[in-house]
């Protein structure tokens, strides 16, 4: 009979930020408070391309009004984990008129040791 003696669970996250372009979406869209397109208009645009695949998360930040994120990412890691990371890194380059798209790759690693 095998028994588990050690468990280890890690997540490796790679975040890539670029300027907004057409087509507009990757995994994340960071919308500035004075961006030419607001979060609701961005959601409508996204829903045309990928219905019900993205969620708008409004945040409190000096320059950023909202994060629009692919729901599949939120199935892998919680909002409480992902949003602060996106805001921290995106907030370094975003100004209030910015619309930034971000590509995010999440790799979950699980390691276990068992007794034989």
PDB file of N, CA and C in Angstrom:
ATOM      1  N   UNK A   1       0.828  -1.161   0.000  1.00  0.00           N
ATOM      2  CA  UNK A   1       0.000   0.000   0.000  1.00  0.00           C
ATOM      3  C   UNK A   1       0.890   1.248   0.000  1.00  0.00           C
ATOM      4  N   UNK A   2       0.563   2.221  -0.820  1.00  0.00           N
ATOM      5  CA  UNK A   2       1.334   3.465  -0.899  1.00  0.00           C
ATOM      6  C   UNK A   2       0.699   4.522  -0.012  1.00  0.00           C
ATOM      7  N   UNK A   3       1.535   5.290   0.643  1.00  0.00           N
ATOM      8  CA  UNK A   3       1.020   6.426   1.415  1.00  0.00           C
ATOM      9  C   UNK A   3       1.783   7.678   0.994  1.00  0.00           C
ATOM     10  N   UNK A   4       1.088   8.776   1.042  1.00  0.00           N
ATOM     11  CA  UNK A   4       1.698  10.049   0.650  1.00  0.00           C
ATOM     12  C   UNK A   4       2.361  10.661   1.877  1.00  0.00           C
ATOM     13  N   UNK A   5       3.660  10.952   1.762  1.00  0.00           N
ATOM     14  CA  UNK A   5       4.367  11.502   2.914  1.00  0.00           C
ATOM     15  C   UNK A   5       4.653  13.001   2.772  1.00  0.00           C
ATOM     16  N   UNK A   6       4.743  13.501   1.546  1.00  0.00           N
ATOM     17  CA  UNK A   6       5.010  14.922   1.326  1.00  0.00           C
ATOM     18  C   UNK A   6       4.174  15.417   0.167  1.00  0.00           C
ATOM     19  N   UNK A   7       3.707  16.650   0.271  1.00  0.00           N
ATOM     20  CA  UNK A   7       2.982  17.274  -0.834  1.00  0.00           C
ATOM     21  C   UNK A   7       3.582  18.649  -1.092  1.00  0.00           C
ATOM     22  N   UNK A   8       3.638  19.001  -2.350  1.00  0.00           N
ATOM     23  CA  UNK A   8       4.114  20.314  -2.731  1.00  0.00           C
ATOM     24  C   UNK A   8       3.283  20.773  -3.920  1.00  0.00           C
ATOM     25  N   UNK A   9       2.788  21.997  -3.872  1.00  0.00           N
ATOM     26  CA  UNK A   9       1.994  22.534  -4.976  1.00  0.00           C
ATOM     27  C   UNK A   9       2.478  23.944  -5.254  1.00  0.00           C
ATOM     28  N   UNK A  10       2.822  24.231  -6.502  1.00  0.00           N
ATOM     29  CA  UNK A  10       3.357  25.534  -6.881  1.00  0.00           C
ATOM     30  C   UNK A  10       2.659  26.017  -8.143  1.00  0.00           C
ATOM     31  N   UNK A  11       2.655  27.310  -8.339  1.00  0.00           N
ATOM     32  CA  UNK A  11       2.159  27.903  -9.584  1.00  0.00           C
ATOM     33  C   UNK A  11       3.243  28.812 -10.126  1.00  0.00           C
ATOM     34  N   UNK A  12       3.544  28.654 -11.407  1.00  0.00           N
ATOM     35  CA  UNK A  12       4.503  29.526 -12.076  1.00  0.00           C
ATOM     36  C   UNK A  12       3.716  30.408 -13.023  1.00  0.00           C
ATOM     37  N   UNK A  13       3.900  31.716 -12.929  1.00  0.00           N
ATOM     38  CA  UNK A  13       3.114  32.658 -13.724  1.00  0.00           C
ATOM     39  C   UNK A  13       4.045  33.505 -14.573  1.00  0.00           C
ATOM     40  N   UNK A  14       3.725  33.591 -15.862  1.00  0.00           N
ATOM     41  CA  UNK A  14       4.443  34.468 -16.783  1.00  0.00           C
ATOM     42  C   UNK A  14       3.437  35.500 -17.268  1.00  0.00           C
ATOM     43  N   UNK A  15       3.749  36.765 -17.163  1.00  0.00           N
ATOM     44  CA  UNK A  15       2.852  37.845 -17.548  1.00  0.00           C
ATOM     45  C   UNK A  15       3.544  38.685 -18.608  1.00  0.00           C
ATOM     46  N   UNK A  16       2.862  38.910 -19.730  1.00  0.00           N
ATOM     47  CA  UNK A  16       3.419  39.697 -20.824  1.00  0.00           C
ATOM     48  C   UNK A  16       2.478  40.856 -21.116  1.00  0.00           C
ATOM     49  N   UNK A  17       2.974  42.078 -21.062  1.00  0.00           N
ATOM     50  CA  UNK A  17       2.170  43.272 -21.302  1.00  0.00           C
ATOM     51  C   UNK A  17       2.604  43.927 -22.608  1.00  0.00           C
ATOM     52  N   UNK A  18       1.624  44.325 -23.424  1.00  0.00           N
ATOM     53  CA  UNK A  18       1.919  45.013 -24.675  1.00  0.00           C
ATOM     54  C   UNK A  18       0.863  46.089 -24.907  1.00  0.00           C
ATOM     55  N   UNK A  19       1.080  46.919 -25.925  1.00  0.00           N
ATOM     56  CA  UNK A  19       0.101  47.932 -26.261  1.00  0.00           C
ATOM     57  C   UNK A  19      -1.133  47.297 -26.879  1.00  0.00           C
ATOM     58  N   UNK A  20      -2.249  47.968 -26.728  1.00  0.00           N
ATOM     59  CA  UNK A  20      -3.529  47.535 -27.281  1.00  0.00           C
ATOM     60  C   UNK A  20      -3.474  47.568 -28.805  1.00  0.00           C
ATOM     61  N   UNK A  21      -3.998  46.546 -29.441  1.00  0.00           N
ATOM     62  CA  UNK A  21      -4.057  46.506 -30.895  1.00  0.00           C
ATOM     63  C   UNK A  21      -5.228  45.634 -31.330  1.00  0.00           C
ATOM     64  N   UNK A  22      -5.494  45.591 -32.611  1.00  0.00           N
ATOM     65  CA  UNK A  22      -6.582  44.789 -33.153  1.00  0.00           C
ATOM     66  C   UNK A  22      -5.990  43.505 -33.710  1.00  0.00           C
ATOM     67  N   UNK A  23      -6.513  42.313 -33.415  1.00  0.00           N
ATOM     68  CA  UNK A  23      -7.629  42.069 -32.507  1.00  0.00           C
ATOM     69  C   UNK A  23      -7.250  42.395 -31.073  1.00  0.00           C
ATOM     70  N   UNK A  24      -8.235  42.829 -30.277  1.00  0.00           N
ATOM     71  CA  UNK A  24      -7.932  43.470 -29.004  1.00  0.00           C
ATOM     72  C   UNK A  24      -7.631  42.561 -27.817  1.00  0.00           C
ATOM     73  N   UNK A  25      -7.933  41.316 -27.873  1.00  0.00           N
ATOM     74  CA  UNK A  25      -7.851  40.532 -26.639  1.00  0.00           C
ATOM     75  C   UNK A  25      -6.777  39.463 -26.669  1.00  0.00           C
ATOM     76  N   UNK A  26      -6.240  39.260 -25.515  1.00  0.00           N
ATOM     77  CA  UNK A  26      -5.393  38.114 -25.208  1.00  0.00           C
ATOM     78  C   UNK A  26      -6.077  37.449 -24.020  1.00  0.00           C
ATOM     79  N   UNK A  27      -5.387  37.433 -22.907  1.00  0.00           N
ATOM     80  CA  UNK A  27      -5.934  36.853 -21.690  1.00  0.00           C
ATOM     81  C   UNK A  27      -6.492  37.920 -20.764  1.00  0.00           C
ATOM     82  N   UNK A  28      -5.862  39.102 -20.796  1.00  0.00           N
ATOM     83  CA  UNK A  28      -6.210  40.182 -19.869  1.00  0.00           C
ATOM     84  C   UNK A  28      -6.196  41.512 -20.617  1.00  0.00           C
ATOM     85  N   UNK A  29      -7.129  42.388 -20.267  1.00  0.00           N
ATOM     86  CA  UNK A  29      -7.131  43.751 -20.767  1.00  0.00           C
ATOM     87  C   UNK A  29      -7.149  44.676 -19.546  1.00  0.00           C
ATOM     88  N   UNK A  30      -6.192  45.593 -19.479  1.00  0.00           N
ATOM     89  CA  UNK A  30      -6.105  46.557 -18.387  1.00  0.00           C
ATOM     90  C   UNK A  30      -6.623  47.890 -18.924  1.00  0.00           C
ATOM     91  N   UNK A  31      -7.671  48.413 -18.295  1.00  0.00           N
ATOM     92  CA  UNK A  31      -8.334  49.613 -18.786  1.00  0.00           C
ATOM     93  C   UNK A  31      -8.084  50.772 -17.822  1.00  0.00           C
ATOM     94  N   UNK A  32      -7.457  51.841 -18.329  1.00  0.00           N
ATOM     95  CA  UNK A  32      -7.193  53.027 -17.526  1.00  0.00           C
ATOM     96  C   UNK A  32      -8.460  53.814 -17.249  1.00  0.00           C
ATOM     97  N   UNK A  33      -8.425  54.637 -16.207  1.00  0.00           N
ATOM     98  CA  UNK A  33      -9.598  55.419 -15.788  1.00  0.00           C
ATOM     99  C   UNK A  33     -10.065  56.409 -16.849  1.00  0.00           C
ATOM    100  N   UNK A  34      -9.145  56.912 -17.669  1.00  0.00           N
ATOM    101  CA  UNK A  34      -9.508  57.876 -18.711  1.00  0.00           C
ATOM    102  C   UNK A  34      -9.238  57.311 -20.101  1.00  0.00           C
ATOM    103  N   UNK A  35      -9.272  55.990 -20.224  1.00  0.00           N
ATOM    104  CA  UNK A  35      -9.012  55.335 -21.515  1.00  0.00           C
ATOM    105  C   UNK A  35     -10.111  55.706 -22.515  1.00  0.00           C
ATOM    106  N   UNK A  36      -9.770  55.731 -23.802  1.00  0.00           N
ATOM    107  CA  UNK A  36     -10.757  56.096 -24.820  1.00  0.00           C
ATOM    108  C   UNK A  36     -11.944  55.139 -24.879  1.00  0.00           C
ATOM    109  N   UNK A  37     -11.771  53.946 -24.365  1.00  0.00           N
ATOM    110  CA  UNK A  37     -12.848  52.961 -24.311  1.00  0.00           C
ATOM    111  C   UNK A  37     -12.941  52.477 -22.868  1.00  0.00           C
ATOM    112  N   UNK A  38     -14.135  52.522 -22.301  1.00  0.00           N
ATOM    113  CA  UNK A  38     -14.326  52.117 -20.914  1.00  0.00           C
ATOM    114  C   UNK A  38     -14.517  50.615 -20.774  1.00  0.00           C
ATOM    115  N   UNK A  39     -14.606  50.124 -19.537  1.00  0.00           N
ATOM    116  CA  UNK A  39     -14.719  48.684 -19.302  1.00  0.00           C
ATOM    117  C   UNK A  39     -15.973  48.053 -19.905  1.00  0.00           C
ATOM    118  N   UNK A  40     -17.116  48.757 -19.851  1.00  0.00           N
ATOM    119  CA  UNK A  40     -18.349  48.170 -20.402  1.00  0.00           C
ATOM    120  C   UNK A  40     -18.280  48.078 -21.922  1.00  0.00           C
ATOM    121  N   UNK A  41     -17.753  49.119 -22.569  1.00  0.00           N
ATOM    122  CA  UNK A  41     -17.591  49.074 -24.023  1.00  0.00           C
ATOM    123  C   UNK A  41     -16.593  47.993 -24.412  1.00  0.00           C
ATOM    124  N   UNK A  42     -15.537  47.842 -23.615  1.00  0.00           N
ATOM    125  CA  UNK A  42     -14.549  46.791 -23.878  1.00  0.00           C
ATOM    126  C   UNK A  42     -15.196  45.414 -23.735  1.00  0.00           C
ATOM    127  N   UNK A  43     -16.064  45.251 -22.726  1.00  0.00           N
ATOM    128  CA  UNK A  43     -16.728  43.963 -22.549  1.00  0.00           C
ATOM    129  C   UNK A  43     -17.613  43.647 -23.752  1.00  0.00           C
ATOM    130  N   UNK A  44     -18.352  44.651 -24.248  1.00  0.00           N
ATOM    131  CA  UNK A  44     -19.204  44.434 -25.423  1.00  0.00           C
ATOM    132  C   UNK A  44     -18.369  44.015 -26.621  1.00  0.00           C
ATOM    133  N   UNK A  45     -17.231  44.682 -26.801  1.00  0.00           N
ATOM    134  CA  UNK A  45     -16.330  44.352 -27.906  1.00  0.00           C
ATOM    135  C   UNK A  45     -15.829  42.913 -27.762  1.00  0.00           C
ATOM    136  N   UNK A  46     -15.447  42.554 -26.543  1.00  0.00           N
ATOM    137  CA  UNK A  46     -14.936  41.213 -26.277  1.00  0.00           C
ATOM    138  C   UNK A  46     -16.033  40.166 -26.466  1.00  0.00           C
ATOM    139  N   UNK A  47     -17.252  40.484 -26.019  1.00  0.00           N
ATOM    140  CA  UNK A  47     -18.358  39.528 -26.143  1.00  0.00           C
ATOM    141  C   UNK A  47     -18.704  39.238 -27.598  1.00  0.00           C
ATOM    142  N   UNK A  48     -18.463  40.209 -28.485  1.00  0.00           N
ATOM    143  CA  UNK A  48     -18.692  39.962 -29.907  1.00  0.00           C
ATOM    144  C   UNK A  48     -17.713  38.900 -30.407  1.00  0.00           C
ATOM    145  N   UNK A  49     -16.459  39.002 -29.967  1.00  0.00           N
ATOM    146  CA  UNK A  49     -15.422  38.065 -30.410  1.00  0.00           C
ATOM    147  C   UNK A  49     -15.479  36.735 -29.665  1.00  0.00           C
ATOM    148  N   UNK A  50     -15.747  36.785 -28.361  1.00  0.00           N
ATOM    149  CA  UNK A  50     -15.729  35.584 -27.513  1.00  0.00           C
ATOM    150  C   UNK A  50     -16.810  35.701 -26.438  1.00  0.00           C
ATOM    151  N   UNK A  51     -18.055  35.383 -26.796  1.00  0.00           N
ATOM    152  CA  UNK A  51     -19.159  35.565 -25.837  1.00  0.00           C
ATOM    153  C   UNK A  51     -18.946  34.804 -24.526  1.00  0.00           C
ATOM    154  N   UNK A  52     -19.198  35.501 -23.418  1.00  0.00           N
ATOM    155  CA  UNK A  52     -19.163  34.925 -22.063  1.00  0.00           C
ATOM    156  C   UNK A  52     -17.827  34.305 -21.674  1.00  0.00           C
ATOM    157  N   UNK A  53     -16.746  34.743 -22.291  1.00  0.00           N
ATOM    158  CA  UNK A  53     -15.430  34.179 -21.974  1.00  0.00           C
ATOM    159  C   UNK A  53     -14.600  35.070 -21.049  1.00  0.00           C
ATOM    160  N   UNK A  54     -15.044  36.306 -20.811  1.00  0.00           N
ATOM    161  CA  UNK A  54     -14.273  37.270 -20.024  1.00  0.00           C
ATOM    162  C   UNK A  54     -15.124  37.854 -18.904  1.00  0.00           C
ATOM    163  N   UNK A  55     -14.451  38.268 -17.843  1.00  0.00           N
ATOM    164  CA  UNK A  55     -15.113  38.903 -16.713  1.00  0.00           C
ATOM    165  C   UNK A  55     -14.465  40.261 -16.452  1.00  0.00           C
ATOM    166  N   UNK A  56     -15.305  41.261 -16.151  1.00  0.00           N
ATOM    167  CA  UNK A  56     -14.797  42.587 -15.784  1.00  0.00           C
ATOM    168  C   UNK A  56     -14.642  42.635 -14.268  1.00  0.00           C
ATOM    169  N   UNK A  57     -13.471  43.064 -13.824  1.00  0.00           N
ATOM    170  CA  UNK A  57     -13.223  43.248 -12.401  1.00  0.00           C
ATOM    171  C   UNK A  57     -12.807  44.699 -12.199  1.00  0.00           C
ATOM    172  N   UNK A  58     -13.652  45.466 -11.549  1.00  0.00           N
ATOM    173  CA  UNK A  58     -13.344  46.870 -11.261  1.00  0.00           C
ATOM    174  C   UNK A  58     -12.426  46.915 -10.048  1.00  0.00           C
ATOM    175  N   UNK A  59     -11.460  47.815 -10.109  1.00  0.00           N
ATOM    176  CA  UNK A  59     -10.474  47.878  -9.026  1.00  0.00           C
ATOM    177  C   UNK A  59     -10.275  49.313  -8.566  1.00  0.00           C
ATOM    178  N   UNK A  60      -9.689  49.433  -7.400  1.00  0.00           N
ATOM    179  CA  UNK A  60      -9.310  50.739  -6.864  1.00  0.00           C
ATOM    180  C   UNK A  60      -7.815  50.935  -7.129  1.00  0.00           C
ATOM    181  N   UNK A  61      -7.496  51.850  -8.015  1.00  0.00           N
ATOM    182  CA  UNK A  61      -6.106  52.136  -8.369  1.00  0.00           C
ATOM    183  C   UNK A  61      -6.053  53.560  -8.898  1.00  0.00           C
ATOM    184  N   UNK A  62      -4.937  54.223  -8.753  1.00  0.00           N
ATOM    185  CA  UNK A  62      -4.843  55.615  -9.199  1.00  0.00           C
ATOM    186  C   UNK A  62      -5.026  55.772 -10.705  1.00  0.00           C
ATOM    187  N   UNK A  63      -4.594  54.793 -11.511  1.00  0.00           N
ATOM    188  CA  UNK A  63      -4.696  54.894 -12.963  1.00  0.00           C
ATOM    189  C   UNK A  63      -5.612  53.861 -13.613  1.00  0.00           C
ATOM    190  N   UNK A  64      -5.777  52.719 -12.997  1.00  0.00           N
ATOM    191  CA  UNK A  64      -6.501  51.607 -13.616  1.00  0.00           C
ATOM    192  C   UNK A  64      -7.930  51.552 -13.085  1.00  0.00           C
ATOM    193  N   UNK A  65      -8.888  51.484 -14.019  1.00  0.00           N
ATOM    194  CA  UNK A  65     -10.305  51.383 -13.632  1.00  0.00           C
ATOM    195  C   UNK A  65     -10.755  49.934 -13.521  1.00  0.00           C
ATOM    196  N   UNK A  66     -10.309  49.099 -14.458  1.00  0.00           N
ATOM    197  CA  UNK A  66     -10.806  47.721 -14.477  1.00  0.00           C
ATOM    198  C   UNK A  66      -9.811  46.786 -15.148  1.00  0.00           C
ATOM    199  N   UNK A  67      -9.969  45.532 -14.806  1.00  0.00           N
ATOM    200  CA  UNK A  67      -9.239  44.437 -15.441  1.00  0.00           C
ATOM    201  C   UNK A  67     -10.298  43.544 -16.088  1.00  0.00           C
ATOM    202  N   UNK A  68     -10.122  43.244 -17.364  1.00  0.00           N
ATOM    203  CA  UNK A  68     -11.004  42.291 -18.036  1.00  0.00           C
ATOM    204  C   UNK A  68     -10.166  41.042 -18.249  1.00  0.00           C
ATOM    205  N   UNK A  69     -10.607  39.939 -17.665  1.00  0.00           N
ATOM    206  CA  UNK A  69      -9.783  38.731 -17.626  1.00  0.00           C
ATOM    207  C   UNK A  69     -10.553  37.526 -18.160  1.00  0.00           C
ATOM    208  N   UNK A  70      -9.839  36.667 -18.855  1.00  0.00           N
ATOM    209  CA  UNK A  70     -10.443  35.443 -19.388  1.00  0.00           C
ATOM    210  C   UNK A  70     -10.862  34.542 -18.231  1.00  0.00           C
ATOM    211  N   UNK A  71     -12.112  34.103 -18.247  1.00  0.00           N
ATOM    212  CA  UNK A  71     -12.667  33.305 -17.147  1.00  0.00           C
ATOM    213  C   UNK A  71     -11.892  32.010 -16.922  1.00  0.00           C
ATOM    214  N   UNK A  72     -11.317  31.457 -17.967  1.00  0.00           N
ATOM    215  CA  UNK A  72     -10.534  30.228 -17.824  1.00  0.00           C
ATOM    216  C   UNK A  72      -9.369  30.385 -16.867  1.00  0.00           C
ATOM    217  N   UNK A  73      -8.764  31.578 -16.849  1.00  0.00           N
ATOM    218  CA  UNK A  73      -7.664  31.827 -15.908  1.00  0.00           C
ATOM    219  C   UNK A  73      -8.170  31.823 -14.473  1.00  0.00           C
ATOM    220  N   UNK A  74      -9.392  32.340 -14.284  1.00  0.00           N
ATOM    221  CA  UNK A  74      -9.964  32.385 -12.933  1.00  0.00           C
ATOM    222  C   UNK A  74     -10.406  30.999 -12.456  1.00  0.00           C
ATOM    223  N   UNK A  75     -10.529  30.067 -13.394  1.00  0.00           N
ATOM    224  CA  UNK A  75     -10.809  28.683 -13.000  1.00  0.00           C
ATOM    225  C   UNK A  75      -9.544  27.999 -12.482  1.00  0.00           C
ATOM    226  N   UNK A  76      -8.383  28.498 -12.916  1.00  0.00           N
ATOM    227  CA  UNK A  76      -7.118  27.900 -12.487  1.00  0.00           C
ATOM    228  C   UNK A  76      -6.611  28.500 -11.179  1.00  0.00           C
ATOM    229  N   UNK A  77      -6.706  29.819 -11.062  1.00  0.00           N
ATOM    230  CA  UNK A  77      -6.255  30.531  -9.860  1.00  0.00           C
ATOM    231  C   UNK A  77      -7.302  31.572  -9.486  1.00  0.00           C
ATOM    232  N   UNK A  78      -7.393  31.899  -8.221  1.00  0.00           N
ATOM    233  CA  UNK A  78      -8.417  32.813  -7.730  1.00  0.00           C
ATOM    234  C   UNK A  78      -8.143  34.263  -8.141  1.00  0.00           C
ATOM    235  N   UNK A  79      -9.215  35.070  -8.109  1.00  0.00           N
ATOM    236  CA  UNK A  79      -9.085  36.510  -8.347  1.00  0.00           C
ATOM    237  C   UNK A  79      -8.117  37.119  -7.340  1.00  0.00           C
ATOM    238  N   UNK A  80      -8.192  36.646  -6.102  1.00  0.00           N
ATOM    239  CA  UNK A  80      -7.354  37.178  -5.030  1.00  0.00           C
ATOM    240  C   UNK A  80      -5.869  36.947  -5.294  1.00  0.00           C
ATOM    241  N   UNK A  81      -5.559  35.953  -6.105  1.00  0.00           N
ATOM    242  CA  UNK A  81      -4.175  35.678  -6.478  1.00  0.00           C
ATOM    243  C   UNK A  81      -3.772  36.447  -7.729  1.00  0.00           C
ATOM    244  N   UNK A  82      -4.623  36.409  -8.749  1.00  0.00           N
ATOM    245  CA  UNK A  82      -4.261  36.969 -10.055  1.00  0.00           C
ATOM    246  C   UNK A  82      -4.358  38.495 -10.141  1.00  0.00           C
ATOM    247  N   UNK A  83      -5.428  39.076  -9.637  1.00  0.00           N
ATOM    248  CA  UNK A  83      -5.650  40.510  -9.824  1.00  0.00           C
ATOM    249  C   UNK A  83      -4.552  41.357  -9.185  1.00  0.00           C
ATOM    250  N   UNK A  84      -4.145  41.090  -7.933  1.00  0.00           N
ATOM    251  CA  UNK A  84      -3.048  41.895  -7.379  1.00  0.00           C
ATOM    252  C   UNK A  84      -1.759  41.811  -8.203  1.00  0.00           C
ATOM    253  N   UNK A  85      -1.469  40.650  -8.749  1.00  0.00           N
ATOM    254  CA  UNK A  85      -0.277  40.491  -9.587  1.00  0.00           C
ATOM    255  C   UNK A  85      -0.400  41.336 -10.860  1.00  0.00           C
ATOM    256  N   UNK A  86      -1.555  41.282 -11.501  1.00  0.00           N
ATOM    257  CA  UNK A  86      -1.780  42.052 -12.733  1.00  0.00           C
ATOM    258  C   UNK A  86      -1.703  43.550 -12.441  1.00  0.00           C
ATOM    259  N   UNK A  87      -2.324  43.974 -11.355  1.00  0.00           N
ATOM    260  CA  UNK A  87      -2.321  45.400 -10.988  1.00  0.00           C
ATOM    261  C   UNK A  87      -0.914  45.855 -10.627  1.00  0.00           C
ATOM    262  N   UNK A  88      -0.193  45.031  -9.889  1.00  0.00           N
ATOM    263  CA  UNK A  88       1.179  45.397  -9.494  1.00  0.00           C
ATOM    264  C   UNK A  88       2.063  45.612 -10.715  1.00  0.00           C
ATOM    265  N   UNK A  89       2.053  44.662 -11.627  1.00  0.00           N
ATOM    266  CA  UNK A  89       2.925  44.757 -12.803  1.00  0.00           C
ATOM    267  C   UNK A  89       2.376  45.728 -13.844  1.00  0.00           C
ATOM    268  N   UNK A  90       1.087  45.655 -14.116  1.00  0.00           N
ATOM    269  CA  UNK A  90       0.485  46.560 -15.085  1.00  0.00           C
ATOM    270  C   UNK A  90       0.498  47.996 -14.612  1.00  0.00           C
ATOM    271  N   UNK A  91       0.339  48.203 -13.307  1.00  0.00           N
ATOM    272  CA  UNK A  91       0.340  49.540 -12.743  1.00  0.00           C
ATOM    273  C   UNK A  91       1.667  50.253 -12.883  1.00  0.00           C
ATOM    274  N   UNK A  92       2.731  49.493 -13.096  1.00  0.00           N
ATOM    275  CA  UNK A  92       4.053  50.099 -13.281  1.00  0.00           C
ATOM    276  C   UNK A  92       4.164  50.822 -14.620  1.00  0.00           C
ATOM    277  N   UNK A  93       3.390  50.390 -15.617  1.00  0.00           N
ATOM    278  CA  UNK A  93       3.504  51.006 -16.945  1.00  0.00           C
ATOM    279  C   UNK A  93       2.219  51.671 -17.420  1.00  0.00           C
ATOM    280  N   UNK A  94       1.092  51.375 -16.780  1.00  0.00           N
ATOM    281  CA  UNK A  94      -0.186  51.936 -17.223  1.00  0.00           C
ATOM    282  C   UNK A  94      -0.367  53.350 -16.697  1.00  0.00           C
ATOM    283  N   UNK A  95      -0.839  54.230 -17.568  1.00  0.00           N
ATOM    284  CA  UNK A  95      -1.279  55.541 -17.110  1.00  0.00           C
ATOM    285  C   UNK A  95      -2.800  55.568 -17.215  1.00  0.00           C
ATOM    286  N   UNK A  96      -3.427  56.673 -16.867  1.00  0.00           N
ATOM    287  CA  UNK A  96      -4.889  56.708 -16.796  1.00  0.00           C
ATOM    288  C   UNK A  96      -5.572  56.587 -18.162  1.00  0.00           C
ATOM    289  N   UNK A  97      -4.849  56.838 -19.252  1.00  0.00           N
ATOM    290  CA  UNK A  97      -5.446  56.712 -20.588  1.00  0.00           C
ATOM    291  C   UNK A  97      -5.089  55.392 -21.274  1.00  0.00           C
ATOM    292  N   UNK A  98      -4.389  54.527 -20.574  1.00  0.00           N
ATOM    293  CA  UNK A  98      -3.881  53.287 -21.179  1.00  0.00           C
ATOM    294  C   UNK A  98      -4.961  52.224 -21.352  1.00  0.00           C
ATOM    295  N   UNK A  99      -4.782  51.472 -22.405  1.00  0.00           N
ATOM    296  CA  UNK A  99      -5.484  50.199 -22.590  1.00  0.00           C
ATOM    297  C   UNK A  99      -4.380  49.211 -22.939  1.00  0.00           C
ATOM    298  N   UNK A 100      -4.100  48.304 -22.021  1.00  0.00           N
ATOM    299  CA  UNK A 100      -3.033  47.322 -22.223  1.00  0.00           C
ATOM    300  C   UNK A 100      -3.612  45.929 -22.295  1.00  0.00           C
ATOM    301  N   UNK A 101      -3.106  45.154 -23.217  1.00  0.00           N
ATOM    302  CA  UNK A 101      -3.480  43.741 -23.216  1.00  0.00           C
ATOM    303  C   UNK A 101      -2.329  42.964 -22.611  1.00  0.00           C
ATOM    304  N   UNK A 102      -2.647  41.861 -21.977  1.00  0.00           N
ATOM    305  CA  UNK A 102      -1.621  41.043 -21.349  1.00  0.00           C
ATOM    306  C   UNK A 102      -1.864  39.580 -21.696  1.00  0.00           C
ATOM    307  N   UNK A 103      -0.785  38.899 -21.972  1.00  0.00           N
ATOM    308  CA  UNK A 103      -0.834  37.459 -22.175  1.00  0.00           C
ATOM    309  C   UNK A 103      -0.342  36.825 -20.888  1.00  0.00           C
ATOM    310  N   UNK A 104      -1.075  35.855 -20.388  1.00  0.00           N
ATOM    311  CA  UNK A 104      -0.712  35.218 -19.134  1.00  0.00           C
ATOM    312  C   UNK A 104      -0.701  33.706 -19.325  1.00  0.00           C
ATOM    313  N   UNK A 105       0.423  33.089 -19.001  1.00  0.00           N
ATOM    314  CA  UNK A 105       0.542  31.633 -19.032  1.00  0.00           C
ATOM    315  C   UNK A 105       0.677  31.150 -17.603  1.00  0.00           C
ATOM    316  N   UNK A 106      -0.183  30.243 -17.206  1.00  0.00           N
ATOM    317  CA  UNK A 106      -0.120  29.685 -15.862  1.00  0.00           C
ATOM    318  C   UNK A 106       0.275  28.224 -15.988  1.00  0.00           C
ATOM    319  N   UNK A 107       1.324  27.861 -15.284  1.00  0.00           N
ATOM    320  CA  UNK A 107       1.791  26.478 -15.255  1.00  0.00           C
ATOM    321  C   UNK A 107       1.711  26.021 -13.808  1.00  0.00           C
ATOM    322  N   UNK A 108       0.911  25.030 -13.543  1.00  0.00           N
ATOM    323  CA  UNK A 108       0.768  24.523 -12.189  1.00  0.00           C
ATOM    324  C   UNK A 108       1.624  23.264 -12.071  1.00  0.00           C
ATOM    325  N   UNK A 109       2.488  23.267 -11.070  1.00  0.00           N
ATOM    326  CA  UNK A 109       3.363  22.122 -10.836  1.00  0.00           C
ATOM    327  C   UNK A 109       2.945  21.441  -9.525  1.00  0.00           C
ATOM    328  N   UNK A 110       2.838  20.160  -9.563  1.00  0.00           N
ATOM    329  CA  UNK A 110       2.503  19.382  -8.370  1.00  0.00           C
ATOM    330  C   UNK A 110       3.594  18.344  -8.192  1.00  0.00           C
ATOM    331  N   UNK A 111       4.104  18.232  -6.990  1.00  0.00           N
ATOM    332  CA  UNK A 111       5.147  17.261  -6.685  1.00  0.00           C
ATOM    333  C   UNK A 111       4.743  16.507  -5.419  1.00  0.00           C
ATOM    334  N   UNK A 112       4.829  15.189  -5.449  1.00  0.00           N
ATOM    335  CA  UNK A 112       4.495  14.376  -4.291  1.00  0.00           C
ATOM    336  C   UNK A 112       5.541  13.289  -4.119  1.00  0.00           C
ATOM    337  N   UNK A 113       5.809  12.951  -2.883  1.00  0.00           N
ATOM    338  CA  UNK A 113       6.687  11.831  -2.562  1.00  0.00           C
ATOM    339  C   UNK A 113       5.843  10.774  -1.871  1.00  0.00           C
ATOM    340  N   UNK A 114       5.979   9.540  -2.305  1.00  0.00           N
ATOM    341  CA  UNK A 114       5.178   8.491  -1.687  1.00  0.00           C
ATOM    342  C   UNK A 114       6.113   7.413  -1.107  1.00  0.00           C
ATOM    343  N   UNK A 115       5.646   6.738  -0.067  1.00  0.00           N
ATOM    344  CA  UNK A 115       6.375   5.614   0.499  1.00  0.00           C
ATOM    345  C   UNK A 115       6.018   4.363  -0.265  1.00  0.00           C
ATOM    346  N   UNK A 116       7.027   3.566  -0.611  1.00  0.00           N
ATOM    347  CA  UNK A 116       6.775   2.316  -1.335  1.00  0.00           C
ATOM    348  C   UNK A 116       6.874   1.122  -0.412  1.00  0.00           C
TER     349      UNK A 116
END
